[in-house]
Amino acid sequence: MTLTLGMITMDTTDAMSLAAWWAEQTGATVGETNDGYYVMVSGGGLPALLAFQKVDDPTPGKNRLHLDLTAPDLDAEVDRLVAAGASLVERRGDESFRWVTLADPDGNQFCVAAVGDAAGLDG
């Protein structure tokens, strides 16, 4: 038996809003909305579906799973994401490998590295 990745799902109190934010950031499209309770995002720069599930009480604290994303210009992409509503958590690494940990508008942390550097990400 072989498992395949179906989608990556995040809990949130506002599935439509968070799905729209991620769709805009990745050039993807909001697809199925299921009355705002389970919203799916696909296409753009996403290699898999992202889903956002409305819950009354998301799990508190640092998320145990996170997205590791890449961009051709790390600093410009971080500036763009912060301007779009992400918050800077920490700049990490050294001159040989840099990445930045951010949080989306719902507080879910994710990392961005320069294209080709993603293999060194460890959150």
N, C-alpha and C. Protein backbone atom coordinates (compact mmCIF):
# COMPACT_ATOMS: atom_id res chain seq x y z
N MET A 1 0.84 -1.17 0.00
CA MET A 1 0.00 0.00 0.00
C MET A 1 0.89 1.24 0.00
N THR A 2 0.51 2.26 -0.79
CA THR A 2 1.26 3.50 -0.87
C THR A 2 0.34 4.66 -0.57
N LEU A 3 0.75 5.53 0.33
CA LEU A 3 -0.01 6.73 0.64
C LEU A 3 0.37 7.85 -0.32
N THR A 4 -0.59 8.69 -0.65
CA THR A 4 -0.31 9.90 -1.42
C THR A 4 -0.93 11.08 -0.68
N LEU A 5 -0.35 12.24 -0.85
CA LEU A 5 -0.85 13.44 -0.20
C LEU A 5 -2.11 13.92 -0.90
N GLY A 6 -3.21 13.98 -0.18
CA GLY A 6 -4.46 14.46 -0.74
C GLY A 6 -4.58 15.96 -0.64
N MET A 7 -4.30 16.49 0.55
CA MET A 7 -4.33 17.93 0.77
C MET A 7 -3.73 18.23 2.13
N ILE A 8 -3.48 19.49 2.37
CA ILE A 8 -3.00 19.98 3.66
C ILE A 8 -4.12 20.82 4.24
N THR A 9 -4.59 20.48 5.43
CA THR A 9 -5.74 21.15 6.03
C THR A 9 -5.34 21.92 7.28
N MET A 10 -5.83 23.15 7.39
CA MET A 10 -5.60 23.98 8.57
C MET A 10 -6.93 24.29 9.24
N ASP A 11 -6.96 24.21 10.56
CA ASP A 11 -8.12 24.63 11.33
C ASP A 11 -8.10 26.14 11.47
N THR A 12 -9.28 26.75 11.46
CA THR A 12 -9.40 28.20 11.57
C THR A 12 -10.80 28.56 12.02
N THR A 13 -10.97 29.73 12.57
CA THR A 13 -12.32 30.19 12.92
C THR A 13 -12.99 30.89 11.74
N ASP A 14 -12.24 31.20 10.68
CA ASP A 14 -12.80 31.87 9.51
C ASP A 14 -12.18 31.27 8.24
N ALA A 15 -12.75 30.16 7.80
CA ALA A 15 -12.18 29.41 6.67
C ALA A 15 -12.16 30.22 5.37
N MET A 16 -13.21 30.96 5.10
CA MET A 16 -13.26 31.73 3.84
C MET A 16 -12.16 32.79 3.80
N SER A 17 -12.00 33.52 4.87
CA SER A 17 -11.02 34.60 4.90
C SER A 17 -9.59 34.06 4.79
N LEU A 18 -9.28 33.03 5.55
CA LEU A 18 -7.92 32.48 5.51
C LEU A 18 -7.63 31.81 4.16
N ALA A 19 -8.61 31.13 3.60
CA ALA A 19 -8.44 30.52 2.27
C ALA A 19 -8.18 31.59 1.22
N ALA A 20 -8.92 32.68 1.28
CA ALA A 20 -8.72 33.76 0.32
C ALA A 20 -7.33 34.37 0.46
N TRP A 21 -6.85 34.52 1.70
CA TRP A 21 -5.51 35.07 1.92
C TRP A 21 -4.45 34.16 1.30
N TRP A 22 -4.53 32.86 1.58
CA TRP A 22 -3.55 31.92 1.03
C TRP A 22 -3.65 31.83 -0.49
N ALA A 23 -4.86 31.88 -1.05
CA ALA A 23 -5.02 31.86 -2.51
C ALA A 23 -4.31 33.06 -3.13
N GLU A 24 -4.50 34.22 -2.53
CA GLU A 24 -3.85 35.42 -3.06
C GLU A 24 -2.33 35.33 -2.97
N GLN A 25 -1.81 34.80 -1.88
CA GLN A 25 -0.36 34.73 -1.70
C GLN A 25 0.31 33.73 -2.63
N THR A 26 -0.39 32.67 -3.01
CA THR A 26 0.22 31.62 -3.84
C THR A 26 -0.23 31.66 -5.30
N GLY A 27 -1.07 32.63 -5.66
CA GLY A 27 -1.57 32.70 -7.03
C GLY A 27 -2.57 31.59 -7.34
N ALA A 28 -3.15 31.02 -6.30
CA ALA A 28 -4.10 29.91 -6.46
C ALA A 28 -5.53 30.44 -6.50
N THR A 29 -6.47 29.51 -6.53
CA THR A 29 -7.88 29.85 -6.63
C THR A 29 -8.67 29.16 -5.53
N VAL A 30 -9.60 29.90 -4.94
CA VAL A 30 -10.53 29.29 -3.99
C VAL A 30 -11.53 28.48 -4.80
N GLY A 31 -11.63 27.20 -4.50
CA GLY A 31 -12.54 26.32 -5.23
C GLY A 31 -13.80 26.07 -4.42
N GLU A 32 -13.97 24.86 -3.98
CA GLU A 32 -15.15 24.51 -3.19
C GLU A 32 -15.16 25.30 -1.89
N THR A 33 -16.34 25.85 -1.54
CA THR A 33 -16.43 26.64 -0.32
C THR A 33 -17.28 25.98 0.76
N ASN A 34 -18.15 25.06 0.40
CA ASN A 34 -18.94 24.29 1.37
C ASN A 34 -19.53 25.17 2.47
N ASP A 35 -20.20 26.23 2.07
CA ASP A 35 -20.84 27.16 3.00
C ASP A 35 -19.88 27.74 4.03
N GLY A 36 -18.60 27.85 3.69
CA GLY A 36 -17.62 28.45 4.57
C GLY A 36 -17.09 27.55 5.67
N TYR A 37 -17.50 26.29 5.67
CA TYR A 37 -17.04 25.38 6.72
C TYR A 37 -15.83 24.56 6.31
N TYR A 38 -15.64 24.34 5.03
CA TYR A 38 -14.47 23.59 4.54
C TYR A 38 -14.17 24.14 3.16
N VAL A 39 -13.12 24.96 3.08
CA VAL A 39 -12.82 25.70 1.86
C VAL A 39 -11.51 25.18 1.28
N MET A 40 -11.50 24.91 -0.03
CA MET A 40 -10.31 24.36 -0.69
C MET A 40 -9.69 25.37 -1.65
N VAL A 41 -8.36 25.36 -1.68
CA VAL A 41 -7.57 26.25 -2.52
C VAL A 41 -6.65 25.38 -3.38
N SER A 42 -6.57 25.69 -4.69
CA SER A 42 -5.72 24.89 -5.58
C SER A 42 -5.15 25.75 -6.69
N GLY A 43 -4.16 25.18 -7.38
CA GLY A 43 -3.55 25.84 -8.53
C GLY A 43 -2.43 26.77 -8.12
N GLY A 44 -2.11 27.71 -8.99
CA GLY A 44 -1.04 28.66 -8.71
C GLY A 44 0.26 27.95 -8.43
N GLY A 45 0.94 28.34 -7.37
CA GLY A 45 2.22 27.73 -7.01
C GLY A 45 2.09 26.57 -6.04
N LEU A 46 0.87 26.04 -5.86
CA LEU A 46 0.67 24.95 -4.90
C LEU A 46 0.84 23.58 -5.54
N PRO A 47 1.67 22.73 -4.96
CA PRO A 47 1.82 21.37 -5.47
C PRO A 47 0.73 20.43 -4.94
N ALA A 48 -0.08 20.91 -3.99
CA ALA A 48 -1.16 20.10 -3.41
C ALA A 48 -2.29 21.04 -3.02
N LEU A 49 -3.46 20.47 -2.78
CA LEU A 49 -4.58 21.26 -2.30
C LEU A 49 -4.33 21.76 -0.89
N LEU A 50 -4.75 22.99 -0.62
CA LEU A 50 -4.81 23.49 0.75
C LEU A 50 -6.29 23.54 1.11
N ALA A 51 -6.62 23.13 2.33
CA ALA A 51 -7.99 23.19 2.80
C ALA A 51 -8.03 23.91 4.13
N PHE A 52 -9.11 24.60 4.38
CA PHE A 52 -9.29 25.37 5.60
C PHE A 52 -10.62 24.96 6.22
N GLN A 53 -10.53 24.42 7.40
CA GLN A 53 -11.69 23.85 8.08
C GLN A 53 -12.11 24.75 9.24
N LYS A 54 -13.36 25.20 9.22
CA LYS A 54 -13.86 26.06 10.29
C LYS A 54 -14.09 25.23 11.55
N VAL A 55 -13.47 25.68 12.63
CA VAL A 55 -13.65 25.04 13.94
C VAL A 55 -13.93 26.14 14.96
N ASP A 56 -14.60 25.78 16.04
CA ASP A 56 -14.90 26.74 17.08
C ASP A 56 -13.66 27.12 17.89
N ASP A 57 -12.75 26.17 18.06
CA ASP A 57 -11.61 26.39 18.94
C ASP A 57 -10.36 25.73 18.35
N PRO A 58 -9.58 26.47 17.52
CA PRO A 58 -8.36 25.88 16.95
C PRO A 58 -7.39 25.47 18.04
N THR A 59 -6.54 24.51 17.74
CA THR A 59 -5.53 24.05 18.68
C THR A 59 -4.62 25.21 19.04
N PRO A 60 -4.42 25.48 20.33
CA PRO A 60 -3.56 26.60 20.73
C PRO A 60 -2.08 26.26 20.57
N GLY A 61 -1.25 27.29 20.57
CA GLY A 61 0.20 27.10 20.53
C GLY A 61 0.74 26.99 19.12
N LYS A 62 2.02 26.70 19.03
CA LYS A 62 2.70 26.57 17.75
C LYS A 62 2.16 25.36 17.00
N ASN A 63 1.85 25.58 15.71
CA ASN A 63 1.37 24.45 14.91
C ASN A 63 2.49 23.42 14.74
N ARG A 64 2.12 22.15 14.81
CA ARG A 64 3.12 21.08 14.74
C ARG A 64 3.54 20.79 13.31
N LEU A 65 2.72 21.08 12.35
CA LEU A 65 3.05 20.96 10.93
C LEU A 65 3.05 22.36 10.34
N HIS A 66 3.92 22.61 9.37
CA HIS A 66 3.91 23.91 8.73
C HIS A 66 4.34 23.78 7.27
N LEU A 67 4.02 24.81 6.49
CA LEU A 67 4.42 24.85 5.09
C LEU A 67 5.83 25.40 4.99
N ASP A 68 6.66 24.79 4.15
CA ASP A 68 7.97 25.31 3.77
C ASP A 68 7.85 25.75 2.32
N LEU A 69 7.94 27.04 2.09
CA LEU A 69 7.75 27.61 0.77
C LEU A 69 9.07 28.18 0.26
N THR A 70 9.18 28.36 -1.05
CA THR A 70 10.38 28.95 -1.64
C THR A 70 9.99 30.12 -2.51
N ALA A 71 10.96 31.01 -2.72
CA ALA A 71 10.76 32.18 -3.57
C ALA A 71 12.09 32.54 -4.21
N PRO A 72 12.07 33.07 -5.43
CA PRO A 72 13.32 33.45 -6.09
C PRO A 72 14.06 34.58 -5.38
N ASP A 73 13.33 35.48 -4.72
CA ASP A 73 13.93 36.60 -3.99
C ASP A 73 13.35 36.58 -2.57
N LEU A 74 14.08 35.98 -1.65
CA LEU A 74 13.59 35.78 -0.28
C LEU A 74 13.17 37.09 0.38
N ASP A 75 14.03 38.09 0.35
CA ASP A 75 13.73 39.34 1.04
C ASP A 75 12.51 40.06 0.45
N ALA A 76 12.42 40.09 -0.86
CA ALA A 76 11.26 40.73 -1.50
C ALA A 76 9.97 39.98 -1.17
N GLU A 77 10.03 38.67 -1.15
CA GLU A 77 8.84 37.88 -0.85
C GLU A 77 8.40 38.06 0.59
N VAL A 78 9.35 38.10 1.52
CA VAL A 78 9.02 38.34 2.92
C VAL A 78 8.37 39.72 3.08
N ASP A 79 8.93 40.73 2.43
CA ASP A 79 8.35 42.08 2.48
C ASP A 79 6.92 42.07 1.94
N ARG A 80 6.70 41.37 0.83
CA ARG A 80 5.36 41.29 0.23
C ARG A 80 4.38 40.61 1.17
N LEU A 81 4.79 39.49 1.76
CA LEU A 81 3.91 38.74 2.66
C LEU A 81 3.56 39.55 3.90
N VAL A 82 4.52 40.25 4.47
CA VAL A 82 4.26 41.09 5.64
C VAL A 82 3.29 42.21 5.27
N ALA A 83 3.50 42.83 4.11
CA ALA A 83 2.59 43.89 3.66
C ALA A 83 1.18 43.36 3.44
N ALA A 84 1.07 42.06 3.09
CA ALA A 84 -0.24 41.45 2.84
C ALA A 84 -0.91 40.94 4.11
N GLY A 85 -0.23 41.06 5.26
CA GLY A 85 -0.88 40.67 6.51
C GLY A 85 -0.20 39.57 7.30
N ALA A 86 0.88 39.01 6.77
CA ALA A 86 1.64 38.02 7.55
C ALA A 86 2.43 38.76 8.63
N SER A 87 2.81 38.05 9.68
CA SER A 87 3.67 38.66 10.70
C SER A 87 5.01 37.93 10.74
N LEU A 88 6.05 38.70 10.95
CA LEU A 88 7.40 38.16 11.01
C LEU A 88 7.60 37.49 12.37
N VAL A 89 8.02 36.22 12.35
CA VAL A 89 8.32 35.50 13.58
C VAL A 89 9.82 35.56 13.85
N GLU A 90 10.61 35.15 12.85
CA GLU A 90 12.06 35.18 13.04
C GLU A 90 12.79 34.98 11.72
N ARG A 91 13.89 35.72 11.55
CA ARG A 91 14.81 35.48 10.44
C ARG A 91 15.83 34.49 10.95
N ARG A 92 16.15 33.47 10.15
CA ARG A 92 17.00 32.39 10.62
C ARG A 92 18.12 32.10 9.62
N GLY A 93 19.11 31.32 10.07
CA GLY A 93 20.18 30.87 9.19
C GLY A 93 21.40 31.75 9.26
N ASP A 94 22.26 31.55 8.25
CA ASP A 94 23.50 32.31 8.14
C ASP A 94 23.75 32.60 6.67
N GLU A 95 24.95 33.06 6.33
CA GLU A 95 25.23 33.44 4.94
C GLU A 95 25.14 32.26 3.96
N SER A 96 25.26 31.03 4.44
CA SER A 96 25.18 29.88 3.54
C SER A 96 23.75 29.40 3.31
N PHE A 97 22.87 29.68 4.27
CA PHE A 97 21.47 29.29 4.12
C PHE A 97 20.60 30.15 5.02
N ARG A 98 19.64 30.85 4.42
CA ARG A 98 18.72 31.69 5.19
C ARG A 98 17.28 31.28 4.93
N TRP A 99 16.47 31.40 5.97
CA TRP A 99 15.03 31.26 5.80
C TRP A 99 14.35 32.14 6.82
N VAL A 100 13.07 32.42 6.57
CA VAL A 100 12.31 33.30 7.44
C VAL A 100 11.05 32.58 7.87
N THR A 101 10.77 32.61 9.18
CA THR A 101 9.52 32.07 9.69
C THR A 101 8.54 33.22 9.86
N LEU A 102 7.35 33.03 9.30
CA LEU A 102 6.28 34.01 9.35
C LEU A 102 5.04 33.34 9.93
N ALA A 103 4.01 34.13 10.20
CA ALA A 103 2.71 33.59 10.59
C ALA A 103 1.65 34.23 9.70
N ASP A 104 0.69 33.42 9.25
CA ASP A 104 -0.40 33.97 8.44
C ASP A 104 -1.36 34.76 9.34
N PRO A 105 -2.38 35.41 8.78
CA PRO A 105 -3.27 36.23 9.61
C PRO A 105 -3.98 35.46 10.74
N ASP A 106 -3.99 34.15 10.67
CA ASP A 106 -4.62 33.34 11.71
C ASP A 106 -3.61 32.82 12.73
N GLY A 107 -2.32 33.15 12.52
CA GLY A 107 -1.28 32.74 13.46
C GLY A 107 -0.57 31.44 13.09
N ASN A 108 -0.92 30.81 11.97
CA ASN A 108 -0.25 29.58 11.53
C ASN A 108 1.13 29.92 11.00
N GLN A 109 2.17 29.33 11.57
CA GLN A 109 3.53 29.62 11.14
C GLN A 109 3.86 28.87 9.85
N PHE A 110 4.69 29.51 9.03
CA PHE A 110 5.22 28.91 7.81
C PHE A 110 6.58 29.51 7.53
N CYS A 111 7.39 28.82 6.73
CA CYS A 111 8.74 29.28 6.43
C CYS A 111 8.90 29.57 4.95
N VAL A 112 9.75 30.54 4.64
CA VAL A 112 10.09 30.87 3.25
C VAL A 112 11.60 30.90 3.13
N ALA A 113 12.10 30.22 2.11
CA ALA A 113 13.54 30.22 1.79
C ALA A 113 13.70 30.58 0.32
N ALA A 114 14.91 30.90 -0.07
CA ALA A 114 15.18 31.16 -1.48
C ALA A 114 15.06 29.85 -2.25
N VAL A 115 14.66 29.94 -3.51
CA VAL A 115 14.56 28.75 -4.36
C VAL A 115 15.88 28.00 -4.32
N GLY A 116 15.82 26.67 -4.16
CA GLY A 116 17.02 25.86 -4.11
C GLY A 116 17.54 25.65 -2.70
N ASP A 117 17.05 26.45 -1.73
CA ASP A 117 17.52 26.33 -0.35
C ASP A 117 16.57 25.53 0.52
N ALA A 118 15.39 25.13 0.02
CA ALA A 118 14.35 24.53 0.86
C ALA A 118 14.79 23.24 1.54
N ALA A 119 15.75 22.53 1.00
CA ALA A 119 16.15 21.24 1.60
C ALA A 119 16.70 21.43 3.01
N GLY A 120 17.15 22.62 3.34
CA GLY A 120 17.71 22.84 4.67
C GLY A 120 16.72 23.33 5.70
N LEU A 121 15.46 23.49 5.34
CA LEU A 121 14.48 24.02 6.29
C LEU A 121 14.21 23.02 7.39
N ASP A 122 14.13 23.53 8.61
CA ASP A 122 13.73 22.67 9.72
C ASP A 122 12.77 23.38 10.68
N GLY A 123 12.21 24.50 10.24
CA GLY A 123 11.18 25.21 11.00
C GLY A 123 11.71 25.86 12.21
